[in-house]
């Protein structure tokens, strides 16, 4: 025991003990309306997170144990910052009953009094009327995970939450495994993986609140590792798995263009385009095959309707869109979300194309960097930015020179001030403060790295 204490800094061990206690308090003793306690725990956890990595960057084993222990702390907790997991369980139990979760509304079953799933009324009350009145939009790999939870805990909400949490923890172990391999391959320090894995935001939002961005990120990083190793066909299949957890990785497809066209010098131009085309075909066909068991005209109508809601109906924690909305109120006198929701996706597509063709993205690091910038810009222009969304740019930034997603993961706690109001009302002063910090760091890092590239080209 004494030898162990000598091996690791005593202060680090105290910090580790404190962080586990704080995670226990966050998971089991916190009400989301208590923003003062939430923010105090959040600030303390981020401070300790920084100090633990700073003091133990050479002790990967210790950092790995802490990351795993922090997740296990939440194992028996019911999520306290999000209600989405109730819908996950509902969808999984629908599948277990042989019913297609994409074709019906929980609200309809409850209203008609013919609930087909165990604990259906509790699940409906838990997910809330808003969630229960819309068709599910979770892709097939996510649905498969929900089904697994139903198979092992078909009559226990807590049991289902435990199974879902284990799946997310296993995905994080996969992130550790392939993240280290990718960092090694890119000749970057291995300990960088813990800026993601030990981040309190990741532990609380993904493991604690059961958001499956963690599973999607595992597939994204695995796909990037395979791409770096030249196994582009396997990379495409794994990227399709990521798309089948959440649709967001579809945004990355144009951004690999230069990796295939500019980066493959040994091939003819025709061969390069054929390789790129094959990559796209594998991603899209694999995704289509995963959706195949659910496909029907009704599914397409319901799924596209729900996706459309995120652009034209829902608003939360937005940045640029809120400025556009304010301008709309000043000029036409009403909320222009329906119009903005149709235009902003086109702006995002145009921006992604600019990043694809007018930025040098031939190396793997450059591809990851443009993915991180692209997905961040997508969220900057979105009408809805739930906190857990930014796990994607956060996971990518550890392979780049950019760190603003880490700052964003800290300051995004301000979005939870909406829970202070019983009617769930955002305080736009806090949202403004959040994005002032995020945009300040983002613009500073863009300018700094652009200047470095310019100086490098001058003196090379």
Protein backbone atom coordinates (compact mmCIF):
# COMPACT_ATOMS: atom_id res chain seq x y z
CA UNK A 1 0.00 0.00 0.00
CA UNK A 2 2.82 2.41 0.91
CA UNK A 3 4.57 1.57 -2.36
CA UNK A 4 1.36 2.35 -4.24
CA UNK A 5 1.06 5.73 -2.50
CA UNK A 6 4.66 6.48 -3.41
CA UNK A 7 4.01 5.51 -7.01
CA UNK A 8 1.20 8.03 -7.43
CA UNK A 9 1.09 11.59 -6.15
CA UNK A 10 -0.90 11.83 -2.89
CA UNK A 11 -2.71 14.91 -4.16
CA UNK A 12 -3.77 12.96 -7.26
CA UNK A 13 -5.20 10.19 -5.09
CA UNK A 14 -7.16 12.75 -3.06
CA UNK A 15 -8.47 14.27 -6.28
CA UNK A 16 -9.51 10.85 -7.54
CA UNK A 17 -11.42 10.11 -4.35
CA UNK A 18 -13.12 13.51 -4.50
CA UNK A 19 -14.10 13.09 -8.13
CA UNK A 20 -15.75 9.73 -7.42
CA UNK A 21 -17.67 11.24 -4.50
CA UNK A 22 -18.78 14.17 -6.64
CA UNK A 23 -19.96 11.82 -9.40
CA UNK A 24 -21.96 9.85 -6.82
CA UNK A 25 -23.60 13.06 -5.63
CA UNK A 26 -24.32 14.09 -9.23
CA UNK A 27 -25.85 10.74 -10.15
CA UNK A 28 -27.89 9.96 -7.02
CA UNK A 29 -28.47 13.16 -5.04
CA UNK A 30 -29.03 15.91 -7.63
CA UNK A 31 -32.29 17.42 -8.86
CA UNK A 32 -31.87 19.13 -12.22
CA UNK A 33 -33.75 22.19 -10.95
CA UNK A 34 -30.96 22.76 -8.38
CA UNK A 35 -28.64 24.65 -10.71
CA UNK A 36 -26.44 26.00 -7.91
CA UNK A 37 -25.50 22.52 -6.72
CA UNK A 38 -25.22 21.26 -10.30
CA UNK A 39 -22.87 24.03 -11.37
CA UNK A 40 -20.75 23.70 -8.20
CA UNK A 41 -20.25 19.98 -8.82
CA UNK A 42 -19.63 20.66 -12.52
CA UNK A 43 -16.92 23.27 -11.86
CA UNK A 44 -15.23 21.09 -9.22
CA UNK A 45 -15.25 18.04 -11.50
CA UNK A 46 -13.74 19.98 -14.41
CA UNK A 47 -11.01 21.41 -12.20
CA UNK A 48 -10.12 17.96 -10.89
CA UNK A 49 -10.29 16.47 -14.41
CA UNK A 50 -7.68 18.97 -15.57
CA UNK A 51 -5.41 18.40 -12.56
CA UNK A 52 -5.59 14.59 -12.75
CA UNK A 53 -4.54 14.50 -16.42
CA UNK A 54 -1.92 17.21 -15.91
CA UNK A 55 -0.31 15.30 -13.03
CA UNK A 56 -0.60 11.78 -14.45
CA UNK A 57 -0.17 12.09 -18.21
CA UNK A 58 2.42 9.29 -18.11
CA UNK A 59 0.23 6.95 -16.03
CA UNK A 60 -2.25 5.70 -18.63
CA UNK A 61 -3.22 2.74 -16.47
CA UNK A 62 -4.24 5.02 -13.59
CA UNK A 63 -6.15 7.36 -15.90
CA UNK A 64 -7.93 4.36 -17.44
CA UNK A 65 -8.94 3.00 -14.03
CA UNK A 66 -10.31 6.40 -12.98
CA UNK A 67 -12.26 6.75 -16.24
CA UNK A 68 -13.82 3.31 -15.77
CA UNK A 69 -14.52 3.81 -12.05
CA UNK A 70 -16.26 7.14 -12.71
CA UNK A 71 -18.60 5.40 -15.16
CA UNK A 72 -19.31 2.48 -12.84
CA UNK A 73 -20.39 4.99 -10.17
CA UNK A 74 -23.44 5.77 -12.35
CA UNK A 75 -24.32 2.13 -13.00
CA UNK A 76 -27.45 2.01 -10.81
CA UNK A 77 -28.56 5.63 -11.31
CA UNK A 78 -31.69 6.74 -13.11
CA UNK A 79 -30.72 9.62 -15.47
CA UNK A 80 -31.55 12.96 -13.87
CA UNK A 81 -30.82 15.43 -16.67
CA UNK A 82 -32.69 13.80 -19.54
CA UNK A 83 -35.90 11.84 -20.11
CA UNK A 84 -34.94 10.37 -23.48
CA UNK A 85 -34.00 6.98 -22.08
CA UNK A 86 -37.67 6.23 -21.38
CA UNK A 87 -38.31 6.42 -25.13
CA UNK A 88 -35.27 4.19 -25.75
CA UNK A 89 -36.75 1.55 -23.48
CA UNK A 90 -40.20 1.93 -25.09
CA UNK A 91 -38.75 1.39 -28.58
CA UNK A 92 -36.76 -1.63 -27.43
CA UNK A 93 -39.81 -3.25 -25.85
CA UNK A 94 -41.86 -2.56 -28.98
CA UNK A 95 -39.26 -4.51 -30.97
CA UNK A 96 -39.33 -7.29 -28.38
CA UNK A 97 -43.08 -7.57 -28.95
CA UNK A 98 -42.49 -7.84 -32.71
CA UNK A 99 -43.82 -4.32 -33.39
CA UNK A 100 -42.14 -1.70 -35.58
CA UNK A 101 -41.39 1.30 -33.32
CA UNK A 102 -41.25 3.66 -36.32
CA UNK A 103 -44.89 3.15 -37.26
CA UNK A 104 -46.80 4.21 -34.16
CA UNK A 105 -46.89 6.85 -31.43
CA UNK A 106 -46.69 6.03 -27.71
CA UNK A 107 -49.43 8.63 -27.27
CA UNK A 108 -51.79 6.63 -29.50
CA UNK A 109 -51.29 3.42 -27.55
CA UNK A 110 -51.81 5.18 -24.22
CA UNK A 111 -54.91 7.08 -25.42
CA UNK A 112 -56.50 3.91 -26.78
CA UNK A 113 -55.64 1.99 -23.61
CA UNK A 114 -53.97 -0.86 -25.51
CA UNK A 115 -50.38 -0.42 -24.36
CA UNK A 116 -48.35 -3.33 -25.80
CA UNK A 117 -45.20 -3.01 -23.67
CA UNK A 118 -44.42 -3.73 -20.04
CA UNK A 119 -44.57 -0.65 -17.78
CA UNK A 120 -45.88 1.28 -20.78
CA UNK A 121 -47.73 3.92 -18.77
CA UNK A 122 -44.65 4.63 -16.63
CA UNK A 123 -42.49 4.87 -19.73
CA UNK A 124 -44.92 7.28 -21.40
CA UNK A 125 -45.13 9.48 -18.33
CA UNK A 126 -41.34 9.40 -18.05
CA UNK A 127 -40.64 10.38 -21.66
CA UNK A 128 -43.19 13.19 -21.49
CA UNK A 129 -46.04 14.24 -23.74
CA UNK A 130 -43.77 15.99 -26.27
CA UNK A 131 -41.63 12.91 -26.88
CA UNK A 132 -44.59 10.55 -26.82
CA UNK A 133 -46.48 12.54 -29.46
CA UNK A 134 -43.75 12.21 -32.09
CA UNK A 135 -42.47 9.26 -34.09
CA UNK A 136 -39.11 7.84 -33.08
CA UNK A 137 -36.07 9.03 -35.03
CA UNK A 138 -33.42 6.68 -33.64
CA UNK A 139 -31.67 4.63 -36.39
CA UNK A 140 -31.44 0.80 -36.40
CA UNK A 141 -28.18 0.25 -34.48
CA UNK A 142 -29.57 2.38 -31.66
CA UNK A 143 -32.80 0.37 -31.84
CA UNK A 144 -30.79 -2.84 -31.62
CA UNK A 145 -29.16 -1.59 -28.41
CA UNK A 146 -32.61 -0.76 -27.00
CA UNK A 147 -33.74 -4.27 -27.91
CA UNK A 148 -30.79 -5.78 -26.02
CA UNK A 149 -31.88 -3.85 -22.92
CA UNK A 150 -35.40 -5.23 -23.31
CA UNK A 151 -34.17 -8.80 -23.74
CA UNK A 152 -32.18 -8.68 -20.49
CA UNK A 153 -34.50 -6.42 -18.47
CA UNK A 154 -37.92 -6.45 -20.12
CA UNK A 155 -39.86 -5.61 -16.95
CA UNK A 156 -37.55 -3.27 -15.08
CA UNK A 157 -36.85 0.34 -16.00
CA UNK A 158 -33.77 0.46 -13.77
CA UNK A 159 -32.59 -2.88 -15.18
CA UNK A 160 -32.98 -1.56 -18.73
CA UNK A 161 -31.04 1.58 -17.81
CA UNK A 162 -28.23 -0.57 -16.41
CA UNK A 163 -28.00 -2.62 -19.62
CA UNK A 164 -27.99 0.54 -21.78
CA UNK A 165 -25.28 2.02 -19.56
CA UNK A 166 -23.12 -1.10 -19.87
CA UNK A 167 -23.36 -0.85 -23.66
CA UNK A 168 -22.24 2.79 -23.55
CA UNK A 169 -19.35 1.92 -21.20
CA UNK A 170 -18.26 -0.86 -23.58
CA UNK A 171 -18.31 1.69 -26.41
CA UNK A 172 -16.08 3.99 -24.35
CA UNK A 173 -13.65 1.11 -23.84
CA UNK A 174 -13.65 0.78 -27.63
CA UNK A 175 -12.93 4.51 -27.92
CA UNK A 176 -9.95 4.02 -25.59
CA UNK A 177 -8.66 1.07 -27.62
CA UNK A 178 -8.98 2.59 -31.12
CA UNK A 179 -8.36 6.15 -29.96
CA UNK A 180 -4.95 5.16 -28.60
CA UNK A 181 -4.17 3.26 -31.80
CA UNK A 182 -5.13 6.28 -33.91
CA UNK A 183 -3.09 8.66 -31.74
CA UNK A 184 -0.09 6.33 -32.05
CA UNK A 185 -0.52 6.10 -35.79
CA UNK A 186 -0.66 9.91 -36.02
CA UNK A 187 2.37 10.18 -33.68
CA UNK A 188 0.41 12.09 -31.08
CA UNK A 189 0.63 11.62 -27.26
CA UNK A 190 -1.52 8.70 -26.07
CA UNK A 191 -2.76 10.50 -22.98
CA UNK A 192 -4.79 12.84 -25.20
CA UNK A 193 -7.54 10.20 -25.33
CA UNK A 194 -8.32 11.04 -21.70
CA UNK A 195 -9.24 14.65 -22.55
CA UNK A 196 -12.32 12.90 -23.92
CA UNK A 197 -12.70 9.85 -21.66
CA UNK A 198 -12.20 11.69 -18.37
CA UNK A 199 -14.18 14.77 -19.38
CA UNK A 200 -17.00 15.22 -16.81
CA UNK A 201 -19.36 16.29 -19.61
CA UNK A 202 -18.82 12.94 -21.37
CA UNK A 203 -19.20 10.89 -18.20
CA UNK A 204 -22.35 12.72 -17.06
CA UNK A 205 -24.11 13.23 -20.39
CA UNK A 206 -23.30 9.93 -22.09
CA UNK A 207 -22.78 7.33 -19.34
CA UNK A 208 -24.94 9.09 -16.78
CA UNK A 209 -27.80 10.23 -19.00
CA UNK A 210 -27.64 7.36 -21.50
CA UNK A 211 -27.10 9.27 -24.72
CA UNK A 212 -25.85 7.03 -27.52
CA UNK A 213 -23.48 9.58 -28.99
CA UNK A 214 -20.87 7.51 -27.15
CA UNK A 215 -21.62 4.46 -29.30
CA UNK A 216 -21.61 6.58 -32.47
CA UNK A 217 -18.25 8.11 -31.50
CA UNK A 218 -16.77 4.63 -31.01
CA UNK A 219 -17.67 3.75 -34.61
CA UNK A 220 -16.41 7.13 -35.92
CA UNK A 221 -12.99 6.76 -34.28
CA UNK A 222 -12.75 3.10 -35.35
CA UNK A 223 -13.59 4.16 -38.92
CA UNK A 224 -10.96 6.92 -38.84
CA UNK A 225 -8.33 4.47 -37.60
CA UNK A 226 -9.15 2.07 -40.45
CA UNK A 227 -8.98 4.94 -42.94
CA UNK A 228 -5.58 5.97 -41.59
CA UNK A 229 -4.37 2.40 -42.07
CA UNK A 230 -5.57 2.36 -45.67
CA UNK A 231 -8.43 -0.10 -45.02
CA UNK A 232 -10.93 2.26 -46.63
CA UNK A 233 -13.53 -0.43 -47.43
CA UNK A 234 -13.76 -1.51 -43.78
CA UNK A 235 -13.69 2.15 -42.77
CA UNK A 236 -16.75 2.76 -44.95
CA UNK A 237 -18.66 -0.14 -43.37
CA UNK A 238 -17.86 1.02 -39.84
CA UNK A 239 -18.82 4.61 -40.71
CA UNK A 240 -22.18 3.22 -41.85
CA UNK A 241 -22.58 1.70 -38.37
CA UNK A 242 -21.98 5.18 -36.92
CA UNK A 243 -24.65 6.62 -39.24
CA UNK A 244 -26.99 3.87 -38.08
CA UNK A 245 -26.60 5.01 -34.47
CA UNK A 246 -27.18 8.70 -35.25
CA UNK A 247 -27.48 10.24 -38.72
CA UNK A 248 -24.99 13.03 -38.01
CA UNK A 249 -21.90 11.30 -39.55
CA UNK A 250 -23.53 11.64 -42.98
CA UNK A 251 -22.20 15.21 -42.83
CA UNK A 252 -18.66 13.80 -42.98
CA UNK A 253 -19.06 12.13 -46.39
CA UNK A 254 -18.03 15.10 -48.58
CA UNK A 255 -15.15 15.97 -46.24
CA UNK A 256 -13.11 12.85 -47.13
CA UNK A 257 -12.97 13.89 -50.80
CA UNK A 258 -9.38 15.16 -50.76
CA UNK A 259 -8.19 12.21 -48.68
CA UNK A 260 -9.00 9.98 -51.65
CA UNK A 261 -8.37 12.33 -54.58
CA UNK A 262 -5.31 14.30 -53.40
CA UNK A 263 -3.87 11.89 -50.85
CA UNK A 264 -3.61 8.80 -53.11
CA UNK A 265 -0.64 9.88 -55.26
CA UNK A 266 0.25 6.34 -56.33
CA UNK A 267 -3.05 5.87 -58.18
CA UNK A 268 -4.29 7.37 -61.42
CA UNK A 269 -6.99 10.05 -61.20
CA UNK A 270 -9.59 7.59 -62.53
CA UNK A 271 -8.63 5.04 -59.86
CA UNK A 272 -8.85 7.68 -57.15
CA UNK A 273 -12.37 8.70 -58.17
CA UNK A 274 -13.39 5.04 -58.40
CA UNK A 275 -12.06 4.45 -54.89
CA UNK A 276 -13.93 7.50 -53.54
CA UNK A 277 -17.12 6.46 -55.32
CA UNK A 278 -16.79 2.92 -53.89
CA UNK A 279 -16.34 4.36 -50.39
CA UNK A 280 -19.57 6.35 -50.71
CA UNK A 281 -21.45 3.38 -52.16
CA UNK A 282 -20.34 1.07 -49.31
CA UNK A 283 -21.41 3.63 -46.67
CA UNK A 284 -24.81 4.24 -48.25
CA UNK A 285 -25.55 0.60 -49.14
CA UNK A 286 -24.54 -0.67 -45.68
CA UNK A 287 -26.73 2.00 -44.07
CA UNK A 288 -29.62 1.07 -46.35
CA UNK A 289 -29.22 -2.63 -45.49
CA UNK A 290 -29.35 -1.81 -41.77
CA UNK A 291 -32.56 0.17 -42.31
CA UNK A 292 -34.02 -2.51 -44.61
CA UNK A 293 -36.00 -4.46 -41.96
CA UNK A 294 -37.99 -1.30 -41.18
CA UNK A 295 -38.42 0.17 -44.65
CA UNK A 296 -41.89 1.04 -45.91
CA UNK A 297 -43.67 4.10 -47.29
CA UNK A 298 -45.11 4.77 -43.83
CA UNK A 299 -41.66 4.51 -42.25
CA UNK A 300 -40.17 7.01 -44.72
CA UNK A 301 -43.04 9.45 -44.11
CA UNK A 302 -42.83 9.18 -40.31
CA UNK A 303 -39.03 9.28 -40.12
CA UNK A 304 -38.65 12.26 -42.47
CA UNK A 305 -41.44 14.09 -40.62
CA UNK A 306 -39.64 13.67 -37.30
CA UNK A 307 -36.27 14.74 -38.75
CA UNK A 308 -37.96 17.83 -40.19
CA UNK A 309 -39.20 18.81 -36.74
CA UNK A 310 -35.61 19.32 -35.56
CA UNK A 311 -35.11 22.00 -38.18
CA UNK A 312 -38.53 23.67 -38.31
CA UNK A 313 -40.20 23.26 -34.90
CA UNK A 314 -37.79 22.67 -32.04
CA UNK A 315 -35.59 25.35 -30.48
CA UNK A 316 -33.03 24.96 -27.72
CA UNK A 317 -29.58 26.34 -26.92
CA UNK A 318 -29.09 27.78 -30.41
CA UNK A 319 -26.64 30.54 -31.28
CA UNK A 320 -26.74 32.06 -34.78
CA UNK A 321 -30.34 30.91 -35.25
CA UNK A 322 -31.47 32.89 -32.19
CA UNK A 323 -29.99 36.03 -33.77
CA UNK A 324 -31.87 35.24 -37.00
CA UNK A 325 -35.05 34.64 -34.99
CA UNK A 326 -34.66 38.02 -33.26
CA UNK A 327 -34.21 39.74 -36.62
CA UNK A 328 -37.36 37.97 -37.80
CA UNK A 329 -39.37 39.29 -34.86
CA UNK A 330 -38.10 42.82 -35.51
CA UNK A 331 -38.89 42.75 -39.23
CA UNK A 332 -41.99 40.57 -39.73
CA UNK A 333 -43.25 40.28 -36.16
CA UNK A 334 -43.31 36.51 -35.73
CA UNK A 335 -41.05 33.46 -35.29
CA UNK A 336 -39.53 32.59 -38.68
CA UNK A 337 -38.28 29.14 -37.64
CA UNK A 338 -40.18 27.39 -40.44
CA UNK A 339 -38.48 29.51 -43.09
CA UNK A 340 -35.09 29.54 -41.37
CA UNK A 341 -35.32 25.77 -40.83
CA UNK A 342 -35.50 25.29 -44.61
CA UNK A 343 -32.70 27.71 -45.47
CA UNK A 344 -30.13 26.87 -42.76
CA UNK A 345 -29.62 23.25 -43.93
CA UNK A 346 -28.76 24.62 -47.38
CA UNK A 347 -26.27 27.02 -45.79
CA UNK A 348 -24.73 24.10 -43.90
CA UNK A 349 -24.39 22.05 -47.11
CA UNK A 350 -22.76 25.02 -48.85
CA UNK A 351 -20.35 25.49 -45.95
CA UNK A 352 -19.41 21.79 -45.98
CA UNK A 353 -18.71 21.99 -49.71
CA UNK A 354 -16.49 25.02 -49.16
CA UNK A 355 -14.57 23.12 -46.48
CA UNK A 356 -14.34 20.14 -48.83
CA UNK A 357 -12.86 21.91 -51.85
CA UNK A 358 -11.16 25.04 -50.53
CA UNK A 359 -9.23 23.65 -47.57
CA UNK A 360 -6.30 21.23 -47.68
CA UNK A 361 -7.71 18.00 -46.26
CA UNK A 362 -5.51 15.29 -47.76
CA UNK A 363 -3.97 13.94 -44.52
CA UNK A 364 -5.88 12.09 -41.80
CA UNK A 365 -5.25 14.86 -39.25
CA UNK A 366 -6.55 17.42 -41.74
CA UNK A 367 -9.64 15.28 -42.42
CA UNK A 368 -10.36 14.96 -38.69
CA UNK A 369 -9.82 18.70 -38.24
CA UNK A 370 -12.24 19.61 -41.01
CA UNK A 371 -14.77 17.11 -39.62
CA UNK A 372 -14.55 18.82 -36.23
CA UNK A 373 -14.90 22.30 -37.76
CA UNK A 374 -17.72 21.13 -40.04
CA UNK A 375 -19.79 19.50 -37.30
CA UNK A 376 -19.21 22.51 -35.02
CA UNK A 377 -20.44 24.89 -37.72
CA UNK A 378 -23.46 22.64 -38.20
CA UNK A 379 -24.31 23.07 -34.52
CA UNK A 380 -23.61 26.82 -34.67
CA UNK A 381 -26.32 27.05 -37.34
CA UNK A 382 -28.77 24.57 -35.80
CA UNK A 383 -32.06 25.51 -34.17
CA UNK A 384 -31.56 22.85 -31.47
CA UNK A 385 -28.27 22.03 -29.73
CA UNK A 386 -28.77 19.67 -26.83
CA UNK A 387 -25.67 19.46 -24.61
CA UNK A 388 -24.81 15.87 -25.54
CA UNK A 389 -24.55 16.77 -29.24
CA UNK A 390 -21.15 18.38 -28.78
CA UNK A 391 -19.60 15.06 -27.72
CA UNK A 392 -18.75 14.55 -31.41
CA UNK A 393 -16.54 17.66 -31.92
CA UNK A 394 -15.11 17.02 -28.46
CA UNK A 395 -14.03 13.49 -29.42
CA UNK A 396 -12.46 14.71 -32.67
CA UNK A 397 -10.56 17.65 -31.21
CA UNK A 398 -8.13 15.41 -29.31
CA UNK A 399 -6.55 14.48 -32.67
CA UNK A 400 -6.17 18.14 -33.72
CA UNK A 401 -4.63 21.43 -32.60
CA UNK A 402 -8.05 22.76 -31.58
CA UNK A 403 -9.32 22.74 -28.01
CA UNK A 404 -12.44 24.93 -28.16
CA UNK A 405 -14.80 21.88 -27.87
CA UNK A 406 -13.27 21.20 -24.44
CA UNK A 407 -14.15 24.74 -23.39
CA UNK A 408 -17.62 24.28 -24.90
CA UNK A 409 -18.12 21.07 -22.93
CA UNK A 410 -17.49 23.07 -19.76
CA UNK A 411 -19.53 26.20 -20.49
CA UNK A 412 -22.52 24.29 -21.90
CA UNK A 413 -23.70 23.77 -18.32
CA UNK A 414 -25.31 27.22 -18.75
CA UNK A 415 -27.92 25.65 -21.04
CA UNK A 416 -29.30 23.78 -18.02
CA UNK A 417 -30.43 27.05 -16.47
CA UNK A 418 -33.62 26.38 -18.47
CA UNK A 419 -34.60 23.85 -15.79
CA UNK A 420 -34.66 26.55 -13.11
CA UNK A 421 -38.01 27.72 -14.52
CA UNK A 422 -40.81 25.16 -13.80
CA UNK A 423 -42.05 25.70 -17.37
CA UNK A 424 -38.61 24.97 -18.86
CA UNK A 425 -37.76 28.44 -20.12
CA UNK A 426 -34.35 29.42 -21.45
CA UNK A 427 -32.53 32.43 -20.06
CA UNK A 428 -31.05 34.03 -23.18
CA UNK A 429 -28.47 35.94 -21.15
CA UNK A 430 -26.90 32.66 -20.12
CA UNK A 431 -27.09 31.32 -23.69
CA UNK A 432 -25.40 34.52 -24.90
CA UNK A 433 -22.65 34.09 -22.30
CA UNK A 434 -22.15 30.47 -23.38
CA UNK A 435 -21.67 31.29 -27.04
CA UNK A 436 -19.57 34.39 -26.41
CA UNK A 437 -17.07 32.09 -24.72
CA UNK A 438 -17.32 29.39 -27.39
CA UNK A 439 -17.03 31.76 -30.37
CA UNK A 440 -14.19 33.68 -28.74
CA UNK A 441 -12.09 30.53 -28.31
CA UNK A 442 -13.13 29.21 -31.73
CA UNK A 443 -12.19 32.41 -33.59
CA UNK A 444 -8.94 32.74 -31.63
CA UNK A 445 -7.90 29.18 -32.50
CA UNK A 446 -8.90 29.57 -36.15
CA UNK A 447 -6.81 32.76 -36.43
CA UNK A 448 -3.86 31.26 -34.53
CA UNK A 449 -3.73 28.09 -36.61
CA UNK A 450 -4.24 29.98 -39.88
CA UNK A 451 -1.30 32.21 -38.96
CA UNK A 452 0.85 29.16 -38.19
CA UNK A 453 0.04 27.66 -41.58
CA UNK A 454 0.89 30.97 -43.31
CA UNK A 455 4.23 31.27 -41.50
CA UNK A 456 5.06 27.65 -42.24
CA UNK A 457 4.43 28.20 -45.97
CA UNK A 458 6.60 31.36 -45.95
CA UNK A 459 9.60 29.73 -44.27
CA UNK A 460 9.35 26.32 -45.91
